[in-house]
Amino acid sequence: MTRPDSSEYASYYESYVSQVPEGDILAVMRSESERMTELLSALSPEQADHRYEEGKWSIKEVVGHIIDTERMFGYRAHCFAREDPAQLPGFEQDDYARSSNAGSRSMEELVDELRAVRQSNLAFFHGLDDAMWSRRGMGSGCEFTVRALAYLIVGHELHHRGILESRYL
């Protein structure tokens, strides 16, 4: 499968797509998930609650955000692959983070949920035929292909792993 071109997602998301390594996107999804869960599983409870600056999310809240975003992108991909004509709404990440209880959960629980969401998305994407990967839909006022959403899931996680490694750890 080829990488999505710039007509398959809003320009805002280029920084995510550009971070995704070359190769089979499903294999990349699996390997990057393993890398992320290894990183998170090694954290102490004190590290998991760390904020690099006042008012910023804790590491656990960042993980909650990654979970929320992957769920949203996966849902969009599912709707678009099934040719649902509805325009899907966006979501405000800060509102979702504020309304979640990620900060009060254990890192083990969050890692388990992150794995479960990724496994679900991998199973979904694995079942797509060639035509489904190219289907389009509207979300957050932007047009996306199913293929682009798979790349956005990985690129978003890579973006936040980079922030965790450079600012938190």
N, C-alpha and C. Protein backbone atom coordinates (compact mmCIF):
# COMPACT_ATOMS: atom_id res chain seq x y z
N MET A 1 0.84 -1.18 0.00
CA MET A 1 0.00 0.00 0.00
C MET A 1 0.89 1.25 0.00
N THR A 2 0.48 2.21 -0.74
CA THR A 2 1.24 3.46 -0.81
C THR A 2 0.80 4.40 0.32
N ARG A 3 1.68 5.32 0.63
CA ARG A 3 1.36 6.35 1.62
C ARG A 3 0.24 7.22 1.07
N PRO A 4 -0.57 7.77 1.94
CA PRO A 4 -1.60 8.69 1.44
C PRO A 4 -0.94 9.96 0.90
N ASP A 5 -1.54 10.52 -0.14
CA ASP A 5 -1.02 11.80 -0.62
C ASP A 5 -1.79 12.93 0.07
N SER A 6 -1.35 14.14 -0.16
CA SER A 6 -1.89 15.29 0.57
C SER A 6 -3.37 15.57 0.29
N SER A 7 -3.94 14.94 -0.73
CA SER A 7 -5.38 15.14 -1.00
C SER A 7 -6.24 14.25 -0.10
N GLU A 8 -5.61 13.38 0.68
CA GLU A 8 -6.36 12.41 1.48
C GLU A 8 -6.55 12.84 2.94
N TYR A 9 -6.07 14.01 3.30
CA TYR A 9 -6.20 14.51 4.67
C TYR A 9 -5.94 16.01 4.65
N ALA A 10 -6.34 16.68 5.71
CA ALA A 10 -6.12 18.13 5.82
C ALA A 10 -4.63 18.41 6.05
N SER A 11 -4.16 19.52 5.54
CA SER A 11 -2.74 19.85 5.64
C SER A 11 -2.25 19.90 7.09
N TYR A 12 -3.14 20.18 8.01
CA TYR A 12 -2.79 20.19 9.44
C TYR A 12 -2.13 18.87 9.86
N TYR A 13 -2.53 17.77 9.26
CA TYR A 13 -2.09 16.44 9.67
C TYR A 13 -0.80 15.98 8.99
N GLU A 14 -0.22 16.80 8.13
CA GLU A 14 1.00 16.41 7.44
C GLU A 14 2.12 16.01 8.40
N SER A 15 2.22 16.73 9.52
CA SER A 15 3.29 16.41 10.46
C SER A 15 3.13 15.01 11.04
N TYR A 16 1.92 14.52 11.16
CA TYR A 16 1.70 13.15 11.64
C TYR A 16 2.05 12.14 10.55
N VAL A 17 1.53 12.35 9.36
CA VAL A 17 1.76 11.40 8.26
C VAL A 17 3.26 11.30 7.96
N SER A 18 3.95 12.42 8.00
CA SER A 18 5.38 12.41 7.65
C SER A 18 6.24 11.66 8.67
N GLN A 19 5.74 11.44 9.87
CA GLN A 19 6.51 10.72 10.89
C GLN A 19 6.41 9.20 10.75
N VAL A 20 5.45 8.73 9.98
CA VAL A 20 5.22 7.29 9.88
C VAL A 20 6.32 6.67 9.01
N PRO A 21 7.02 5.66 9.53
CA PRO A 21 8.07 5.01 8.74
C PRO A 21 7.51 4.31 7.51
N GLU A 22 8.36 4.12 6.53
CA GLU A 22 7.98 3.38 5.33
C GLU A 22 7.70 1.93 5.71
N GLY A 23 6.87 1.29 4.92
CA GLY A 23 6.59 -0.12 5.13
C GLY A 23 5.10 -0.37 5.21
N ASP A 24 4.76 -1.62 5.38
CA ASP A 24 3.37 -2.05 5.51
C ASP A 24 2.76 -1.36 6.72
N ILE A 25 1.70 -0.59 6.53
CA ILE A 25 1.14 0.21 7.61
C ILE A 25 0.65 -0.66 8.76
N LEU A 26 0.14 -1.85 8.49
CA LEU A 26 -0.31 -2.70 9.58
C LEU A 26 0.86 -3.23 10.40
N ALA A 27 1.95 -3.56 9.74
CA ALA A 27 3.16 -3.99 10.46
C ALA A 27 3.71 -2.83 11.29
N VAL A 28 3.68 -1.63 10.73
CA VAL A 28 4.15 -0.45 11.45
C VAL A 28 3.24 -0.19 12.65
N MET A 29 1.93 -0.33 12.47
CA MET A 29 1.00 -0.14 13.59
C MET A 29 1.33 -1.10 14.73
N ARG A 30 1.60 -2.35 14.39
CA ARG A 30 1.93 -3.35 15.42
C ARG A 30 3.24 -3.01 16.11
N SER A 31 4.27 -2.72 15.34
CA SER A 31 5.59 -2.48 15.95
C SER A 31 5.62 -1.20 16.77
N GLU A 32 4.98 -0.15 16.29
CA GLU A 32 4.97 1.10 17.05
C GLU A 32 4.14 0.96 18.33
N SER A 33 3.08 0.17 18.28
CA SER A 33 2.29 -0.10 19.48
C SER A 33 3.14 -0.81 20.52
N GLU A 34 3.91 -1.79 20.08
CA GLU A 34 4.80 -2.51 20.99
C GLU A 34 5.83 -1.57 21.61
N ARG A 35 6.40 -0.71 20.81
CA ARG A 35 7.39 0.25 21.33
C ARG A 35 6.77 1.18 22.37
N MET A 36 5.55 1.66 22.09
CA MET A 36 4.90 2.57 23.02
C MET A 36 4.55 1.86 24.33
N THR A 37 4.00 0.67 24.25
CA THR A 37 3.62 -0.03 25.47
C THR A 37 4.85 -0.42 26.29
N GLU A 38 5.96 -0.73 25.66
CA GLU A 38 7.21 -1.00 26.40
C GLU A 38 7.67 0.24 27.15
N LEU A 39 7.63 1.38 26.48
CA LEU A 39 8.03 2.63 27.11
C LEU A 39 7.15 2.93 28.32
N LEU A 40 5.84 2.85 28.14
CA LEU A 40 4.90 3.20 29.21
C LEU A 40 4.94 2.21 30.35
N SER A 41 5.11 0.93 30.05
CA SER A 41 5.11 -0.10 31.08
C SER A 41 6.31 0.01 32.00
N ALA A 42 7.37 0.64 31.55
CA ALA A 42 8.59 0.78 32.35
C ALA A 42 8.54 1.96 33.33
N LEU A 43 7.49 2.77 33.26
CA LEU A 43 7.42 3.98 34.09
C LEU A 43 7.01 3.65 35.52
N SER A 44 7.59 4.38 36.45
CA SER A 44 7.16 4.28 37.85
C SER A 44 5.87 5.07 38.01
N PRO A 45 5.12 4.84 39.10
CA PRO A 45 3.92 5.64 39.33
C PRO A 45 4.22 7.14 39.41
N GLU A 46 5.36 7.49 39.97
CA GLU A 46 5.74 8.91 40.06
C GLU A 46 5.97 9.50 38.67
N GLN A 47 6.65 8.75 37.82
CA GLN A 47 6.88 9.22 36.46
C GLN A 47 5.55 9.37 35.71
N ALA A 48 4.65 8.42 35.89
CA ALA A 48 3.37 8.43 35.18
C ALA A 48 2.53 9.66 35.53
N ASP A 49 2.72 10.19 36.73
CA ASP A 49 1.98 11.39 37.17
C ASP A 49 2.71 12.69 36.85
N HIS A 50 3.90 12.59 36.27
CA HIS A 50 4.72 13.78 36.01
C HIS A 50 4.10 14.69 34.95
N ARG A 51 4.20 16.00 35.20
CA ARG A 51 3.86 17.05 34.24
C ARG A 51 5.14 17.85 34.03
N TYR A 52 5.49 18.09 32.80
CA TYR A 52 6.75 18.82 32.57
C TYR A 52 6.62 20.30 32.84
N GLU A 53 5.37 20.77 32.99
CA GLU A 53 5.13 22.19 33.26
C GLU A 53 3.75 22.31 33.89
N GLU A 54 3.59 23.29 34.74
CA GLU A 54 2.29 23.56 35.36
C GLU A 54 1.22 23.73 34.27
N GLY A 55 0.08 23.08 34.46
CA GLY A 55 -1.02 23.20 33.51
C GLY A 55 -0.95 22.23 32.33
N LYS A 56 0.15 21.51 32.19
CA LYS A 56 0.26 20.52 31.11
C LYS A 56 -0.27 19.18 31.60
N TRP A 57 -0.63 18.33 30.65
CA TRP A 57 -1.12 17.00 31.00
C TRP A 57 -0.03 16.17 31.66
N SER A 58 -0.44 15.28 32.56
CA SER A 58 0.49 14.28 33.08
C SER A 58 0.72 13.23 32.00
N ILE A 59 1.71 12.38 32.20
CA ILE A 59 1.94 11.31 31.23
C ILE A 59 0.69 10.45 31.10
N LYS A 60 0.04 10.14 32.22
CA LYS A 60 -1.19 9.33 32.15
C LYS A 60 -2.26 10.05 31.34
N GLU A 61 -2.37 11.35 31.46
CA GLU A 61 -3.35 12.10 30.68
C GLU A 61 -2.99 12.13 29.20
N VAL A 62 -1.70 12.17 28.89
CA VAL A 62 -1.27 12.08 27.49
C VAL A 62 -1.69 10.73 26.91
N VAL A 63 -1.50 9.68 27.68
CA VAL A 63 -1.90 8.34 27.22
C VAL A 63 -3.41 8.30 27.02
N GLY A 64 -4.17 8.87 27.93
CA GLY A 64 -5.62 8.95 27.75
C GLY A 64 -5.99 9.67 26.46
N HIS A 65 -5.28 10.74 26.16
CA HIS A 65 -5.50 11.49 24.92
C HIS A 65 -5.18 10.64 23.69
N ILE A 66 -4.10 9.88 23.74
CA ILE A 66 -3.75 9.01 22.62
C ILE A 66 -4.85 7.98 22.41
N ILE A 67 -5.36 7.41 23.50
CA ILE A 67 -6.45 6.43 23.41
C ILE A 67 -7.68 7.07 22.78
N ASP A 68 -8.08 8.24 23.30
CA ASP A 68 -9.26 8.93 22.75
C ASP A 68 -9.12 9.21 21.26
N THR A 69 -7.96 9.70 20.88
CA THR A 69 -7.74 10.07 19.48
C THR A 69 -7.73 8.84 18.58
N GLU A 70 -7.08 7.78 19.02
CA GLU A 70 -7.08 6.56 18.20
C GLU A 70 -8.50 6.03 18.04
N ARG A 71 -9.29 6.09 19.11
CA ARG A 71 -10.69 5.65 19.01
C ARG A 71 -11.45 6.49 17.99
N MET A 72 -11.25 7.80 18.04
CA MET A 72 -11.96 8.69 17.11
C MET A 72 -11.52 8.43 15.67
N PHE A 73 -10.22 8.35 15.43
CA PHE A 73 -9.74 8.10 14.07
C PHE A 73 -10.20 6.71 13.59
N GLY A 74 -10.18 5.72 14.46
CA GLY A 74 -10.64 4.38 14.10
C GLY A 74 -12.12 4.37 13.76
N TYR A 75 -12.91 5.11 14.54
CA TYR A 75 -14.35 5.20 14.27
C TYR A 75 -14.59 5.86 12.92
N ARG A 76 -13.86 6.93 12.65
CA ARG A 76 -14.01 7.59 11.35
C ARG A 76 -13.67 6.62 10.22
N ALA A 77 -12.55 5.91 10.37
CA ALA A 77 -12.16 4.95 9.34
C ALA A 77 -13.25 3.90 9.13
N HIS A 78 -13.83 3.43 10.20
CA HIS A 78 -14.90 2.43 10.11
C HIS A 78 -16.10 2.99 9.34
N CYS A 79 -16.52 4.19 9.72
CA CYS A 79 -17.67 4.81 9.04
C CYS A 79 -17.39 5.02 7.55
N PHE A 80 -16.21 5.54 7.24
CA PHE A 80 -15.87 5.83 5.85
C PHE A 80 -15.74 4.54 5.04
N ALA A 81 -15.15 3.50 5.61
CA ALA A 81 -15.01 2.23 4.90
C ALA A 81 -16.37 1.63 4.59
N ARG A 82 -17.34 1.90 5.45
CA ARG A 82 -18.70 1.37 5.25
C ARG A 82 -19.58 2.33 4.45
N GLU A 83 -18.96 3.38 3.92
CA GLU A 83 -19.63 4.36 3.06
C GLU A 83 -20.78 5.08 3.76
N ASP A 84 -20.61 5.34 5.03
CA ASP A 84 -21.58 6.14 5.78
C ASP A 84 -21.48 7.57 5.27
N PRO A 85 -22.58 8.17 4.80
CA PRO A 85 -22.51 9.51 4.23
C PRO A 85 -22.49 10.63 5.27
N ALA A 86 -22.64 10.30 6.54
CA ALA A 86 -22.70 11.34 7.57
C ALA A 86 -21.38 12.10 7.68
N GLN A 87 -21.48 13.39 7.93
CA GLN A 87 -20.30 14.18 8.25
C GLN A 87 -20.07 14.04 9.75
N LEU A 88 -18.94 13.51 10.12
CA LEU A 88 -18.67 13.23 11.53
C LEU A 88 -18.12 14.47 12.23
N PRO A 89 -18.55 14.68 13.46
CA PRO A 89 -18.09 15.87 14.19
C PRO A 89 -16.64 15.73 14.63
N GLY A 90 -16.05 16.85 14.96
CA GLY A 90 -14.72 16.84 15.55
C GLY A 90 -14.84 16.60 17.04
N PHE A 91 -13.73 16.67 17.72
CA PHE A 91 -13.76 16.59 19.17
C PHE A 91 -12.68 17.52 19.72
N GLU A 92 -12.98 18.11 20.84
CA GLU A 92 -12.05 19.05 21.46
C GLU A 92 -11.20 18.27 22.46
N GLN A 93 -9.93 18.12 22.14
CA GLN A 93 -9.04 17.28 22.95
C GLN A 93 -8.97 17.73 24.40
N ASP A 94 -8.96 19.01 24.66
CA ASP A 94 -8.87 19.48 26.05
C ASP A 94 -10.13 19.16 26.83
N ASP A 95 -11.29 19.25 26.19
CA ASP A 95 -12.53 18.88 26.86
C ASP A 95 -12.55 17.38 27.17
N TYR A 96 -12.12 16.58 26.21
CA TYR A 96 -12.06 15.14 26.44
C TYR A 96 -11.10 14.82 27.58
N ALA A 97 -9.94 15.43 27.57
CA ALA A 97 -8.95 15.17 28.63
C ALA A 97 -9.49 15.59 29.99
N ARG A 98 -10.13 16.72 30.03
CA ARG A 98 -10.69 17.22 31.29
C ARG A 98 -11.79 16.31 31.81
N SER A 99 -12.55 15.71 30.90
CA SER A 99 -13.68 14.86 31.28
C SER A 99 -13.29 13.41 31.52
N SER A 100 -12.08 13.05 31.17
CA SER A 100 -11.64 11.67 31.38
C SER A 100 -11.12 11.52 32.81
N ASN A 101 -10.90 10.30 33.21
CA ASN A 101 -10.28 10.08 34.51
C ASN A 101 -8.92 9.42 34.34
N ALA A 102 -8.27 9.69 33.23
CA ALA A 102 -6.98 9.06 32.95
C ALA A 102 -5.97 9.32 34.06
N GLY A 103 -5.99 10.52 34.62
CA GLY A 103 -5.03 10.85 35.67
C GLY A 103 -5.21 10.08 36.95
N SER A 104 -6.38 9.52 37.17
CA SER A 104 -6.63 8.77 38.40
C SER A 104 -6.50 7.26 38.20
N ARG A 105 -6.23 6.83 36.98
CA ARG A 105 -6.09 5.41 36.69
C ARG A 105 -4.64 4.99 36.79
N SER A 106 -4.40 3.70 36.88
CA SER A 106 -3.02 3.22 36.89
C SER A 106 -2.49 3.18 35.46
N MET A 107 -1.18 3.26 35.34
CA MET A 107 -0.58 3.16 34.01
C MET A 107 -0.85 1.78 33.43
N GLU A 108 -0.89 0.77 34.25
CA GLU A 108 -1.17 -0.58 33.76
C GLU A 108 -2.55 -0.64 33.10
N GLU A 109 -3.55 -0.02 33.71
CA GLU A 109 -4.90 0.01 33.12
C GLU A 109 -4.89 0.76 31.79
N LEU A 110 -4.19 1.88 31.76
CA LEU A 110 -4.14 2.68 30.53
C LEU A 110 -3.42 1.94 29.42
N VAL A 111 -2.33 1.27 29.75
CA VAL A 111 -1.59 0.50 28.74
C VAL A 111 -2.46 -0.64 28.22
N ASP A 112 -3.19 -1.30 29.10
CA ASP A 112 -4.10 -2.36 28.66
C ASP A 112 -5.15 -1.82 27.70
N GLU A 113 -5.72 -0.65 28.01
CA GLU A 113 -6.72 -0.07 27.14
C GLU A 113 -6.11 0.36 25.81
N LEU A 114 -4.93 0.96 25.86
CA LEU A 114 -4.25 1.37 24.63
C LEU A 114 -4.01 0.16 23.73
N ARG A 115 -3.56 -0.94 24.30
CA ARG A 115 -3.35 -2.17 23.53
C ARG A 115 -4.66 -2.67 22.92
N ALA A 116 -5.73 -2.65 23.73
CA ALA A 116 -7.02 -3.16 23.26
C ALA A 116 -7.56 -2.33 22.09
N VAL A 117 -7.43 -1.01 22.20
CA VAL A 117 -7.89 -0.14 21.11
C VAL A 117 -7.08 -0.41 19.85
N ARG A 118 -5.76 -0.54 20.00
CA ARG A 118 -4.90 -0.81 18.83
C ARG A 118 -5.23 -2.16 18.23
N GLN A 119 -5.42 -3.18 19.05
CA GLN A 119 -5.75 -4.51 18.54
C GLN A 119 -7.07 -4.48 17.76
N SER A 120 -8.03 -3.76 18.28
CA SER A 120 -9.32 -3.63 17.60
C SER A 120 -9.14 -2.95 16.24
N ASN A 121 -8.37 -1.88 16.21
CA ASN A 121 -8.14 -1.18 14.94
C ASN A 121 -7.34 -2.03 13.97
N LEU A 122 -6.36 -2.77 14.46
CA LEU A 122 -5.60 -3.66 13.58
C LEU A 122 -6.51 -4.72 12.96
N ALA A 123 -7.39 -5.30 13.75
CA ALA A 123 -8.32 -6.31 13.23
C ALA A 123 -9.23 -5.70 12.17
N PHE A 124 -9.72 -4.48 12.43
CA PHE A 124 -10.57 -3.80 11.46
C PHE A 124 -9.82 -3.54 10.16
N PHE A 125 -8.66 -2.89 10.24
CA PHE A 125 -7.90 -2.55 9.04
C PHE A 125 -7.48 -3.80 8.27
N HIS A 126 -7.16 -4.86 8.97
CA HIS A 126 -6.74 -6.10 8.32
C HIS A 126 -7.85 -6.66 7.41
N GLY A 127 -9.09 -6.41 7.77
CA GLY A 127 -10.21 -6.93 7.00
C GLY A 127 -10.63 -6.11 5.80
N LEU A 128 -9.95 -5.01 5.54
CA LEU A 128 -10.34 -4.14 4.42
C LEU A 128 -9.82 -4.67 3.09
N ASP A 129 -10.62 -4.50 2.04
CA ASP A 129 -10.11 -4.80 0.70
C ASP A 129 -9.54 -3.51 0.11
N ASP A 130 -8.94 -3.61 -1.05
CA ASP A 130 -8.25 -2.46 -1.65
C ASP A 130 -9.17 -1.25 -1.83
N ALA A 131 -10.39 -1.48 -2.26
CA ALA A 131 -11.31 -0.36 -2.50
C ALA A 131 -11.64 0.38 -1.21
N MET A 132 -11.76 -0.35 -0.13
CA MET A 132 -12.14 0.27 1.15
C MET A 132 -11.08 1.25 1.66
N TRP A 133 -9.82 0.95 1.41
CA TRP A 133 -8.73 1.83 1.88
C TRP A 133 -8.82 3.22 1.25
N SER A 134 -9.39 3.30 0.05
CA SER A 134 -9.47 4.58 -0.67
C SER A 134 -10.77 5.33 -0.44
N ARG A 135 -11.69 4.75 0.27
CA ARG A 135 -12.96 5.44 0.50
C ARG A 135 -12.74 6.68 1.34
N ARG A 136 -13.61 7.67 1.09
CA ARG A 136 -13.47 8.97 1.72
C ARG A 136 -14.70 9.33 2.55
N GLY A 137 -14.46 10.23 3.49
CA GLY A 137 -15.55 10.75 4.28
C GLY A 137 -15.13 12.06 4.92
N MET A 138 -16.10 12.68 5.58
CA MET A 138 -15.85 13.98 6.21
C MET A 138 -15.87 13.84 7.73
N GLY A 139 -14.84 14.39 8.36
CA GLY A 139 -14.76 14.45 9.81
C GLY A 139 -14.09 15.74 10.21
N SER A 140 -14.61 16.40 11.21
CA SER A 140 -14.06 17.69 11.66
C SER A 140 -14.01 18.71 10.53
N GLY A 141 -14.92 18.59 9.59
CA GLY A 141 -14.96 19.53 8.48
C GLY A 141 -13.90 19.29 7.42
N CYS A 142 -13.20 18.15 7.50
CA CYS A 142 -12.13 17.83 6.54
C CYS A 142 -12.41 16.47 5.91
N GLU A 143 -11.93 16.31 4.69
CA GLU A 143 -12.07 15.03 4.01
C GLU A 143 -10.85 14.15 4.30
N PHE A 144 -11.10 12.87 4.55
CA PHE A 144 -10.05 11.89 4.81
C PHE A 144 -10.33 10.63 4.04
N THR A 145 -9.28 9.88 3.70
CA THR A 145 -9.45 8.51 3.25
C THR A 145 -9.24 7.60 4.45
N VAL A 146 -9.71 6.38 4.29
CA VAL A 146 -9.48 5.38 5.32
C VAL A 146 -7.98 5.16 5.49
N ARG A 147 -7.25 5.09 4.38
CA ARG A 147 -5.80 4.91 4.42
C ARG A 147 -5.14 6.02 5.22
N ALA A 148 -5.53 7.25 4.99
CA ALA A 148 -4.93 8.37 5.73
C ALA A 148 -5.18 8.24 7.22
N LEU A 149 -6.35 7.77 7.60
CA LEU A 149 -6.65 7.63 9.03
C LEU A 149 -5.78 6.57 9.69
N ALA A 150 -5.44 5.52 8.98
CA ALA A 150 -4.51 4.53 9.53
C ALA A 150 -3.15 5.19 9.80
N TYR A 151 -2.70 5.99 8.86
CA TYR A 151 -1.43 6.71 9.04
C TYR A 151 -1.53 7.74 10.15
N LEU A 152 -2.67 8.39 10.28
CA LEU A 152 -2.83 9.38 11.34
C LEU A 152 -2.80 8.73 12.72
N ILE A 153 -3.36 7.55 12.84
CA ILE A 153 -3.31 6.85 14.13
C ILE A 153 -1.86 6.64 14.54
N VAL A 154 -1.05 6.14 13.64
CA VAL A 154 0.36 5.88 13.95
C VAL A 154 1.12 7.19 14.14
N GLY A 155 0.92 8.14 13.24
CA GLY A 155 1.65 9.41 13.32
C GLY A 155 1.33 10.19 14.58
N HIS A 156 0.08 10.15 15.01
CA HIS A 156 -0.32 10.85 16.24
C HIS A 156 0.38 10.23 17.44
N GLU A 157 0.41 8.90 17.48
CA GLU A 157 1.11 8.22 18.58
C GLU A 157 2.60 8.56 18.56
N LEU A 158 3.21 8.54 17.39
CA LEU A 158 4.64 8.88 17.27
C LEU A 158 4.90 10.32 17.72
N HIS A 159 4.02 11.21 17.34
CA HIS A 159 4.14 12.62 17.76
C HIS A 159 4.19 12.71 19.29
N HIS A 160 3.25 12.04 19.94
CA HIS A 160 3.20 12.13 21.39
C HIS A 160 4.31 11.33 22.07
N ARG A 161 4.75 10.24 21.46
CA ARG A 161 5.90 9.53 22.03
C ARG A 161 7.14 10.42 21.99
N GLY A 162 7.29 11.18 20.92
CA GLY A 162 8.41 12.12 20.85
C GLY A 162 8.34 13.17 21.94
N ILE A 163 7.14 13.67 22.21
CA ILE A 163 6.97 14.66 23.28
C ILE A 163 7.27 14.02 24.64
N LEU A 164 6.78 12.80 24.85
CA LEU A 164 7.07 12.12 26.11
C LEU A 164 8.58 11.96 26.30
N GLU A 165 9.26 11.54 25.27
CA GLU A 165 10.71 11.29 25.37
C GLU A 165 11.51 12.59 25.53
N SER A 166 11.06 13.67 24.90
CA SER A 166 11.85 14.91 24.94
C SER A 166 11.49 15.84 26.11
N ARG A 167 10.26 15.82 26.56
CA ARG A 167 9.84 16.77 27.59
C ARG A 167 9.53 16.12 28.95
N TYR A 168 9.17 14.87 28.95
CA TYR A 168 8.74 14.23 30.18
C TYR A 168 9.79 13.32 30.80
N LEU A 169 10.52 12.59 29.95
CA LEU A 169 11.42 11.55 30.47
C LEU A 169 12.88 11.93 30.38
